[in-house]
Amino acid sequence: MKRGKLLNSELNHAIGAMGHGDLMIVCDAGFPIPAHSWRIDLSITQDVPDLKTVLSAIADDFIAEKVSYADTLPDHNPILLETVRSLFSDADHEMIAHATILGDMASMAKVIVRTGAFDPWGNILLYSGVDVPNWFSKPGTVAPPEYAKKLKG
């Protein structure tokens, strides 16, 4: 049996299949998932599982270079925003229009993970990154400025 929190085999597979810059959306129960998308549906009933539980398990196994969420989240769901910022504190954070998440971003996602969350604007975009200290560990490699700051931690 594997170590770690994340037991769902399809979600483990999805994380393992992510390449640098690939997009995973972890969404609430009401998200309109495009028919062509790789959909991992974890929802059972209202708030089971919730976003915090799913995002926490993913954060342990997934390197997020950037995290995006609706520009309405700070005003309409600040508790969720604080959770996301806490779980992915090493990532860059960007707010985007909610309509863009529902349309363009949903169609660009490599995988969409549906939770049972009843969280307004609870759609979190996770962009896959690299393990910076390991990626730039060979002698003679030089990290570009955007990664160099992560080497000093």
N, C-alpha and C. Protein backbone atom coordinates (compact mmCIF):
# COMPACT_ATOMS: atom_id res chain seq x y z
N MET A 1 0.86 -1.18 0.00
CA MET A 1 0.00 0.00 0.00
C MET A 1 0.90 1.24 0.00
N LYS A 2 0.48 2.28 -0.69
CA LYS A 2 1.30 3.50 -0.77
C LYS A 2 1.24 4.29 0.51
N ARG A 3 2.25 5.13 0.70
CA ARG A 3 2.27 6.04 1.85
C ARG A 3 1.57 7.33 1.46
N GLY A 4 1.19 8.10 2.45
CA GLY A 4 0.59 9.40 2.19
C GLY A 4 -0.92 9.37 2.36
N LYS A 5 -1.49 10.55 2.31
CA LYS A 5 -2.94 10.70 2.54
C LYS A 5 -3.78 10.23 1.37
N LEU A 6 -3.31 10.48 0.17
CA LEU A 6 -4.13 10.32 -1.02
C LEU A 6 -4.28 8.85 -1.41
N LEU A 7 -5.50 8.33 -1.28
CA LEU A 7 -5.75 6.92 -1.58
C LEU A 7 -6.43 6.71 -2.93
N ASN A 8 -7.12 7.69 -3.46
CA ASN A 8 -7.87 7.52 -4.70
C ASN A 8 -6.90 7.23 -5.86
N SER A 9 -7.05 6.06 -6.47
CA SER A 9 -6.09 5.64 -7.50
C SER A 9 -6.14 6.54 -8.74
N GLU A 10 -7.33 6.97 -9.14
CA GLU A 10 -7.41 7.80 -10.34
C GLU A 10 -6.82 9.19 -10.09
N LEU A 11 -7.01 9.73 -8.91
CA LEU A 11 -6.42 11.03 -8.58
C LEU A 11 -4.90 10.91 -8.47
N ASN A 12 -4.40 9.83 -7.91
CA ASN A 12 -2.97 9.58 -7.90
C ASN A 12 -2.42 9.50 -9.32
N HIS A 13 -3.14 8.80 -10.18
CA HIS A 13 -2.73 8.69 -11.58
C HIS A 13 -2.70 10.06 -12.25
N ALA A 14 -3.70 10.86 -12.01
CA ALA A 14 -3.77 12.19 -12.61
C ALA A 14 -2.59 13.05 -12.18
N ILE A 15 -2.26 13.04 -10.90
CA ILE A 15 -1.13 13.83 -10.41
C ILE A 15 0.16 13.34 -11.06
N GLY A 16 0.32 12.02 -11.17
CA GLY A 16 1.51 11.46 -11.80
C GLY A 16 1.60 11.77 -13.28
N ALA A 17 0.48 12.02 -13.92
CA ALA A 17 0.45 12.31 -15.35
C ALA A 17 0.66 13.79 -15.67
N MET A 18 0.65 14.64 -14.64
CA MET A 18 0.78 16.08 -14.86
C MET A 18 2.21 16.44 -15.24
N GLY A 19 2.34 17.28 -16.26
CA GLY A 19 3.63 17.83 -16.64
C GLY A 19 3.69 19.30 -16.26
N HIS A 20 4.87 19.88 -16.36
CA HIS A 20 5.08 21.27 -15.98
C HIS A 20 4.11 22.18 -16.75
N GLY A 21 3.31 22.92 -16.00
CA GLY A 21 2.36 23.86 -16.60
C GLY A 21 0.97 23.30 -16.85
N ASP A 22 0.81 21.98 -16.71
CA ASP A 22 -0.53 21.40 -16.90
C ASP A 22 -1.48 21.92 -15.83
N LEU A 23 -2.76 21.98 -16.18
CA LEU A 23 -3.79 22.54 -15.31
C LEU A 23 -4.71 21.45 -14.77
N MET A 24 -4.87 21.47 -13.44
CA MET A 24 -5.87 20.65 -12.75
C MET A 24 -6.85 21.61 -12.09
N ILE A 25 -8.13 21.39 -12.29
CA ILE A 25 -9.15 22.19 -11.60
C ILE A 25 -9.79 21.30 -10.54
N VAL A 26 -9.81 21.80 -9.32
CA VAL A 26 -10.53 21.13 -8.24
C VAL A 26 -11.76 22.00 -7.99
N CYS A 27 -12.93 21.43 -8.23
CA CYS A 27 -14.13 22.26 -8.28
C CYS A 27 -15.20 21.82 -7.29
N ASP A 28 -16.18 22.71 -7.14
CA ASP A 28 -17.33 22.43 -6.29
C ASP A 28 -18.32 21.54 -7.04
N ALA A 29 -19.38 21.16 -6.38
CA ALA A 29 -20.35 20.22 -6.93
C ALA A 29 -21.11 20.76 -8.14
N GLY A 30 -21.19 22.07 -8.28
CA GLY A 30 -21.98 22.65 -9.36
C GLY A 30 -21.21 23.03 -10.60
N PHE A 31 -19.92 22.76 -10.66
CA PHE A 31 -19.09 23.18 -11.78
C PHE A 31 -19.53 22.51 -13.08
N PRO A 32 -19.67 23.28 -14.17
CA PRO A 32 -20.06 22.70 -15.46
C PRO A 32 -18.86 22.07 -16.17
N ILE A 33 -18.63 20.80 -15.95
CA ILE A 33 -17.48 20.11 -16.52
C ILE A 33 -17.76 19.79 -17.99
N PRO A 34 -16.89 20.23 -18.90
CA PRO A 34 -17.08 19.93 -20.32
C PRO A 34 -17.10 18.42 -20.57
N ALA A 35 -17.89 18.01 -21.55
CA ALA A 35 -18.07 16.58 -21.84
C ALA A 35 -16.77 15.88 -22.21
N HIS A 36 -15.83 16.58 -22.83
CA HIS A 36 -14.59 15.97 -23.29
C HIS A 36 -13.52 15.86 -22.21
N SER A 37 -13.76 16.41 -21.04
CA SER A 37 -12.74 16.50 -19.99
C SER A 37 -12.49 15.18 -19.28
N TRP A 38 -11.26 15.02 -18.80
CA TRP A 38 -10.93 13.93 -17.89
C TRP A 38 -11.52 14.34 -16.55
N ARG A 39 -12.54 13.65 -16.15
CA ARG A 39 -13.32 14.00 -14.96
C ARG A 39 -13.10 12.95 -13.88
N ILE A 40 -12.68 13.42 -12.71
CA ILE A 40 -12.59 12.55 -11.55
C ILE A 40 -13.65 13.05 -10.57
N ASP A 41 -14.70 12.28 -10.44
CA ASP A 41 -15.84 12.71 -9.62
C ASP A 41 -15.76 12.05 -8.25
N LEU A 42 -15.41 12.85 -7.25
CA LEU A 42 -15.30 12.35 -5.88
C LEU A 42 -16.57 12.61 -5.06
N SER A 43 -17.52 13.35 -5.64
CA SER A 43 -18.69 13.78 -4.87
C SER A 43 -19.55 12.61 -4.43
N ILE A 44 -20.05 12.71 -3.21
CA ILE A 44 -20.94 11.69 -2.66
C ILE A 44 -22.27 12.34 -2.28
N THR A 45 -22.19 13.39 -1.48
CA THR A 45 -23.36 14.14 -1.04
C THR A 45 -22.88 15.55 -0.70
N GLN A 46 -23.78 16.42 -0.30
CA GLN A 46 -23.42 17.81 -0.03
C GLN A 46 -22.23 17.89 0.93
N ASP A 47 -21.17 18.54 0.45
CA ASP A 47 -19.93 18.77 1.20
C ASP A 47 -19.15 17.51 1.57
N VAL A 48 -19.43 16.41 0.90
CA VAL A 48 -18.66 15.19 1.10
C VAL A 48 -18.18 14.69 -0.25
N PRO A 49 -16.86 14.76 -0.46
CA PRO A 49 -15.88 15.45 0.37
C PRO A 49 -15.90 16.95 0.12
N ASP A 50 -15.42 17.70 1.08
CA ASP A 50 -15.37 19.15 0.93
C ASP A 50 -14.07 19.56 0.25
N LEU A 51 -14.00 20.82 -0.14
CA LEU A 51 -12.82 21.31 -0.85
C LEU A 51 -11.56 21.25 0.01
N LYS A 52 -11.67 21.62 1.27
CA LYS A 52 -10.49 21.62 2.14
C LYS A 52 -9.88 20.24 2.24
N THR A 53 -10.69 19.22 2.41
CA THR A 53 -10.19 17.85 2.51
C THR A 53 -9.48 17.43 1.23
N VAL A 54 -10.11 17.68 0.10
CA VAL A 54 -9.53 17.26 -1.19
C VAL A 54 -8.27 18.07 -1.50
N LEU A 55 -8.33 19.38 -1.32
CA LEU A 55 -7.16 20.22 -1.60
C LEU A 55 -6.00 19.88 -0.66
N SER A 56 -6.28 19.55 0.59
CA SER A 56 -5.23 19.17 1.54
C SER A 56 -4.52 17.90 1.09
N ALA A 57 -5.29 16.91 0.66
CA ALA A 57 -4.69 15.66 0.19
C ALA A 57 -3.87 15.89 -1.07
N ILE A 58 -4.39 16.70 -1.99
CA ILE A 58 -3.65 17.00 -3.22
C ILE A 58 -2.37 17.76 -2.90
N ALA A 59 -2.46 18.74 -2.01
CA ALA A 59 -1.30 19.58 -1.69
C ALA A 59 -0.12 18.76 -1.18
N ASP A 60 -0.38 17.64 -0.54
CA ASP A 60 0.71 16.79 -0.04
C ASP A 60 1.48 16.09 -1.15
N ASP A 61 0.83 15.87 -2.30
CA ASP A 61 1.45 15.10 -3.39
C ASP A 61 1.70 15.90 -4.67
N PHE A 62 1.26 17.12 -4.74
CA PHE A 62 1.26 17.89 -5.98
C PHE A 62 2.06 19.18 -5.80
N ILE A 63 2.94 19.47 -6.75
CA ILE A 63 3.70 20.72 -6.71
C ILE A 63 2.96 21.73 -7.56
N ALA A 64 2.37 22.71 -6.90
CA ALA A 64 1.64 23.77 -7.61
C ALA A 64 2.57 24.97 -7.81
N GLU A 65 2.81 25.29 -9.05
CA GLU A 65 3.62 26.47 -9.35
C GLU A 65 2.78 27.74 -9.26
N LYS A 66 1.53 27.60 -9.69
CA LYS A 66 0.60 28.73 -9.65
C LYS A 66 -0.77 28.21 -9.28
N VAL A 67 -1.52 29.04 -8.55
CA VAL A 67 -2.88 28.72 -8.16
C VAL A 67 -3.75 29.91 -8.56
N SER A 68 -4.85 29.62 -9.22
CA SER A 68 -5.78 30.69 -9.61
C SER A 68 -7.16 30.38 -9.06
N TYR A 69 -7.94 31.45 -8.92
CA TYR A 69 -9.30 31.32 -8.40
C TYR A 69 -10.06 32.57 -8.82
N ALA A 70 -11.37 32.53 -8.62
CA ALA A 70 -12.25 33.62 -9.06
C ALA A 70 -11.91 34.92 -8.35
N ASP A 71 -11.98 36.00 -9.10
CA ASP A 71 -11.71 37.33 -8.53
C ASP A 71 -12.77 37.75 -7.52
N THR A 72 -13.84 37.01 -7.45
CA THR A 72 -14.90 37.27 -6.47
C THR A 72 -14.67 36.54 -5.15
N LEU A 73 -13.71 35.62 -5.11
CA LEU A 73 -13.48 34.81 -3.91
C LEU A 73 -13.14 35.65 -2.68
N PRO A 74 -12.30 36.70 -2.78
CA PRO A 74 -11.98 37.47 -1.57
C PRO A 74 -13.21 38.09 -0.89
N ASP A 75 -14.18 38.53 -1.68
CA ASP A 75 -15.38 39.15 -1.11
C ASP A 75 -16.46 38.15 -0.74
N HIS A 76 -16.56 37.05 -1.50
CA HIS A 76 -17.70 36.16 -1.34
C HIS A 76 -17.41 34.84 -0.64
N ASN A 77 -16.13 34.50 -0.48
CA ASN A 77 -15.78 33.27 0.24
C ASN A 77 -14.35 33.40 0.79
N PRO A 78 -14.13 34.38 1.68
CA PRO A 78 -12.78 34.63 2.20
C PRO A 78 -12.19 33.47 3.00
N ILE A 79 -13.03 32.66 3.61
CA ILE A 79 -12.52 31.52 4.38
C ILE A 79 -11.88 30.49 3.44
N LEU A 80 -12.53 30.22 2.31
CA LEU A 80 -11.95 29.32 1.32
C LEU A 80 -10.65 29.90 0.77
N LEU A 81 -10.65 31.19 0.51
CA LEU A 81 -9.44 31.83 -0.01
C LEU A 81 -8.27 31.66 0.96
N GLU A 82 -8.51 31.85 2.25
CA GLU A 82 -7.46 31.67 3.25
C GLU A 82 -6.97 30.23 3.28
N THR A 83 -7.87 29.28 3.14
CA THR A 83 -7.49 27.86 3.09
C THR A 83 -6.57 27.60 1.91
N VAL A 84 -6.96 28.10 0.74
CA VAL A 84 -6.16 27.88 -0.48
C VAL A 84 -4.78 28.53 -0.34
N ARG A 85 -4.74 29.75 0.16
CA ARG A 85 -3.45 30.44 0.33
C ARG A 85 -2.56 29.70 1.32
N SER A 86 -3.15 29.14 2.36
CA SER A 86 -2.39 28.41 3.36
C SER A 86 -1.85 27.09 2.80
N LEU A 87 -2.68 26.35 2.09
CA LEU A 87 -2.26 25.05 1.55
C LEU A 87 -1.22 25.17 0.45
N PHE A 88 -1.30 26.25 -0.33
CA PHE A 88 -0.40 26.44 -1.46
C PHE A 88 0.40 27.73 -1.30
N SER A 89 1.01 27.89 -0.13
CA SER A 89 1.71 29.13 0.20
C SER A 89 2.95 29.37 -0.65
N ASP A 90 3.56 28.33 -1.19
CA ASP A 90 4.76 28.48 -2.01
C ASP A 90 4.45 28.83 -3.46
N ALA A 91 3.20 28.73 -3.86
CA ALA A 91 2.81 28.97 -5.25
C ALA A 91 2.54 30.45 -5.48
N ASP A 92 2.62 30.85 -6.74
CA ASP A 92 2.14 32.17 -7.13
C ASP A 92 0.62 32.11 -7.16
N HIS A 93 -0.03 33.21 -6.81
CA HIS A 93 -1.50 33.24 -6.78
C HIS A 93 -2.00 34.31 -7.72
N GLU A 94 -3.10 33.97 -8.42
CA GLU A 94 -3.66 34.89 -9.41
C GLU A 94 -5.19 34.79 -9.40
N MET A 95 -5.83 35.93 -9.39
CA MET A 95 -7.28 35.96 -9.50
C MET A 95 -7.66 36.18 -10.96
N ILE A 96 -8.71 35.48 -11.39
CA ILE A 96 -9.22 35.65 -12.75
C ILE A 96 -10.74 35.70 -12.70
N ALA A 97 -11.33 36.16 -13.77
CA ALA A 97 -12.79 36.28 -13.84
C ALA A 97 -13.43 34.89 -13.74
N HIS A 98 -14.49 34.81 -12.94
CA HIS A 98 -15.18 33.54 -12.74
C HIS A 98 -15.68 32.96 -14.06
N ALA A 99 -16.18 33.80 -14.94
CA ALA A 99 -16.68 33.33 -16.24
C ALA A 99 -15.56 32.69 -17.06
N THR A 100 -14.36 33.18 -16.92
CA THR A 100 -13.21 32.61 -17.63
C THR A 100 -12.90 31.21 -17.11
N ILE A 101 -13.04 31.02 -15.80
CA ILE A 101 -12.82 29.69 -15.22
C ILE A 101 -13.84 28.71 -15.77
N LEU A 102 -15.10 29.12 -15.82
CA LEU A 102 -16.18 28.24 -16.27
C LEU A 102 -16.09 27.90 -17.75
N GLY A 103 -15.48 28.77 -18.53
CA GLY A 103 -15.41 28.57 -19.97
C GLY A 103 -14.03 28.15 -20.44
N ASP A 104 -13.18 29.13 -20.71
CA ASP A 104 -11.87 28.87 -21.31
C ASP A 104 -11.01 27.94 -20.47
N MET A 105 -10.94 28.18 -19.17
CA MET A 105 -10.04 27.40 -18.34
C MET A 105 -10.53 25.96 -18.19
N ALA A 106 -11.83 25.77 -18.09
CA ALA A 106 -12.37 24.41 -17.98
C ALA A 106 -12.03 23.59 -19.22
N SER A 107 -12.06 24.22 -20.38
CA SER A 107 -11.75 23.47 -21.61
C SER A 107 -10.26 23.21 -21.77
N MET A 108 -9.41 23.96 -21.06
CA MET A 108 -7.97 23.77 -21.15
C MET A 108 -7.41 22.82 -20.08
N ALA A 109 -8.21 22.47 -19.10
CA ALA A 109 -7.72 21.64 -17.99
C ALA A 109 -7.39 20.23 -18.45
N LYS A 110 -6.29 19.70 -17.95
CA LYS A 110 -5.93 18.31 -18.22
C LYS A 110 -6.86 17.38 -17.46
N VAL A 111 -7.23 17.79 -16.24
CA VAL A 111 -8.12 16.99 -15.41
C VAL A 111 -8.96 17.93 -14.54
N ILE A 112 -10.20 17.53 -14.30
CA ILE A 112 -11.08 18.28 -13.42
C ILE A 112 -11.57 17.34 -12.33
N VAL A 113 -11.32 17.74 -11.08
CA VAL A 113 -11.68 16.93 -9.92
C VAL A 113 -12.90 17.56 -9.27
N ARG A 114 -14.02 16.84 -9.31
CA ARG A 114 -15.27 17.35 -8.73
C ARG A 114 -15.41 16.85 -7.30
N THR A 115 -15.62 17.79 -6.40
CA THR A 115 -15.87 17.47 -5.00
C THR A 115 -17.37 17.56 -4.73
N GLY A 116 -17.75 17.29 -3.52
CA GLY A 116 -19.15 17.46 -3.12
C GLY A 116 -19.40 18.85 -2.53
N ALA A 117 -18.41 19.72 -2.64
CA ALA A 117 -18.47 21.02 -1.97
C ALA A 117 -19.61 21.90 -2.46
N PHE A 118 -20.31 22.46 -1.50
CA PHE A 118 -21.29 23.51 -1.76
C PHE A 118 -20.64 24.81 -1.32
N ASP A 119 -19.64 25.23 -2.07
CA ASP A 119 -18.85 26.42 -1.77
C ASP A 119 -18.99 27.41 -2.91
N PRO A 120 -19.60 28.57 -2.66
CA PRO A 120 -19.69 29.57 -3.72
C PRO A 120 -18.30 29.92 -4.25
N TRP A 121 -18.15 29.91 -5.56
CA TRP A 121 -16.90 30.22 -6.25
C TRP A 121 -15.79 29.26 -5.83
N GLY A 122 -16.16 28.03 -5.53
CA GLY A 122 -15.20 27.04 -5.05
C GLY A 122 -14.55 26.25 -6.17
N ASN A 123 -13.91 26.95 -7.09
CA ASN A 123 -13.25 26.32 -8.22
C ASN A 123 -11.80 26.80 -8.24
N ILE A 124 -10.89 25.88 -7.93
CA ILE A 124 -9.50 26.23 -7.72
C ILE A 124 -8.66 25.62 -8.85
N LEU A 125 -7.86 26.46 -9.48
CA LEU A 125 -7.02 26.05 -10.60
C LEU A 125 -5.60 25.84 -10.09
N LEU A 126 -5.08 24.65 -10.31
CA LEU A 126 -3.73 24.30 -9.86
C LEU A 126 -2.87 24.01 -11.09
N TYR A 127 -1.81 24.80 -11.26
CA TYR A 127 -0.89 24.63 -12.38
C TYR A 127 0.33 23.86 -11.88
N SER A 128 0.64 22.77 -12.54
CA SER A 128 1.72 21.90 -12.13
C SER A 128 3.08 22.58 -12.26
N GLY A 129 3.90 22.38 -11.25
CA GLY A 129 5.23 22.95 -11.26
C GLY A 129 6.29 21.86 -11.17
N VAL A 130 7.50 22.26 -10.82
CA VAL A 130 8.60 21.33 -10.66
C VAL A 130 9.14 21.45 -9.24
N ASP A 131 9.81 20.42 -8.79
CA ASP A 131 10.49 20.42 -7.50
C ASP A 131 11.79 21.20 -7.69
N VAL A 132 11.74 22.49 -7.46
CA VAL A 132 12.83 23.39 -7.81
C VAL A 132 14.18 22.95 -7.25
N PRO A 133 14.31 22.64 -5.95
CA PRO A 133 15.63 22.23 -5.44
C PRO A 133 16.20 21.00 -6.16
N ASN A 134 15.35 20.04 -6.49
CA ASN A 134 15.83 18.85 -7.21
C ASN A 134 16.07 19.13 -8.69
N TRP A 135 15.23 19.94 -9.29
CA TRP A 135 15.33 20.22 -10.71
C TRP A 135 16.64 20.95 -11.05
N PHE A 136 17.07 21.81 -10.16
CA PHE A 136 18.28 22.60 -10.39
C PHE A 136 19.43 22.15 -9.49
N SER A 137 19.51 20.85 -9.19
CA SER A 137 20.53 20.36 -8.26
C SER A 137 21.82 19.91 -8.94
N LYS A 138 21.82 19.70 -10.24
CA LYS A 138 23.03 19.23 -10.92
C LYS A 138 24.06 20.35 -11.01
N PRO A 139 25.31 20.01 -10.81
CA PRO A 139 26.36 21.03 -10.92
C PRO A 139 26.32 21.69 -12.30
N GLY A 140 26.46 23.00 -12.28
CA GLY A 140 26.49 23.77 -13.53
C GLY A 140 25.14 24.28 -13.99
N THR A 141 24.04 23.80 -13.38
CA THR A 141 22.73 24.33 -13.78
C THR A 141 22.47 25.62 -13.02
N VAL A 142 21.82 26.54 -13.70
CA VAL A 142 21.51 27.84 -13.11
C VAL A 142 20.01 28.05 -13.18
N ALA A 143 19.42 28.30 -12.06
CA ALA A 143 17.98 28.54 -12.00
C ALA A 143 17.67 29.95 -12.47
N PRO A 144 16.64 30.12 -13.32
CA PRO A 144 16.23 31.47 -13.68
C PRO A 144 15.67 32.21 -12.46
N PRO A 145 15.59 33.53 -12.52
CA PRO A 145 15.19 34.31 -11.34
C PRO A 145 13.89 33.86 -10.68
N GLU A 146 12.89 33.46 -11.47
CA GLU A 146 11.62 33.06 -10.87
C GLU A 146 11.73 31.78 -10.04
N TYR A 147 12.77 30.96 -10.30
CA TYR A 147 12.99 29.77 -9.49
C TYR A 147 14.06 29.97 -8.44
N ALA A 148 14.99 30.86 -8.69
CA ALA A 148 16.09 31.08 -7.76
C ALA A 148 15.59 31.45 -6.36
N LYS A 149 14.50 32.24 -6.31
CA LYS A 149 13.96 32.62 -5.00
C LYS A 149 13.47 31.42 -4.20
N LYS A 150 13.07 30.35 -4.89
CA LYS A 150 12.59 29.13 -4.21
C LYS A 150 13.75 28.25 -3.75
N LEU A 151 14.94 28.52 -4.23
CA LEU A 151 16.11 27.76 -3.81
C LEU A 151 16.68 28.26 -2.50
N LYS A 152 16.33 29.48 -2.13
CA LYS A 152 16.89 30.08 -0.93
C LYS A 152 16.08 29.74 0.32
N GLY A 153 14.97 29.00 0.17
CA GLY A 153 14.10 28.69 1.30
C GLY A 153 14.65 27.68 2.17
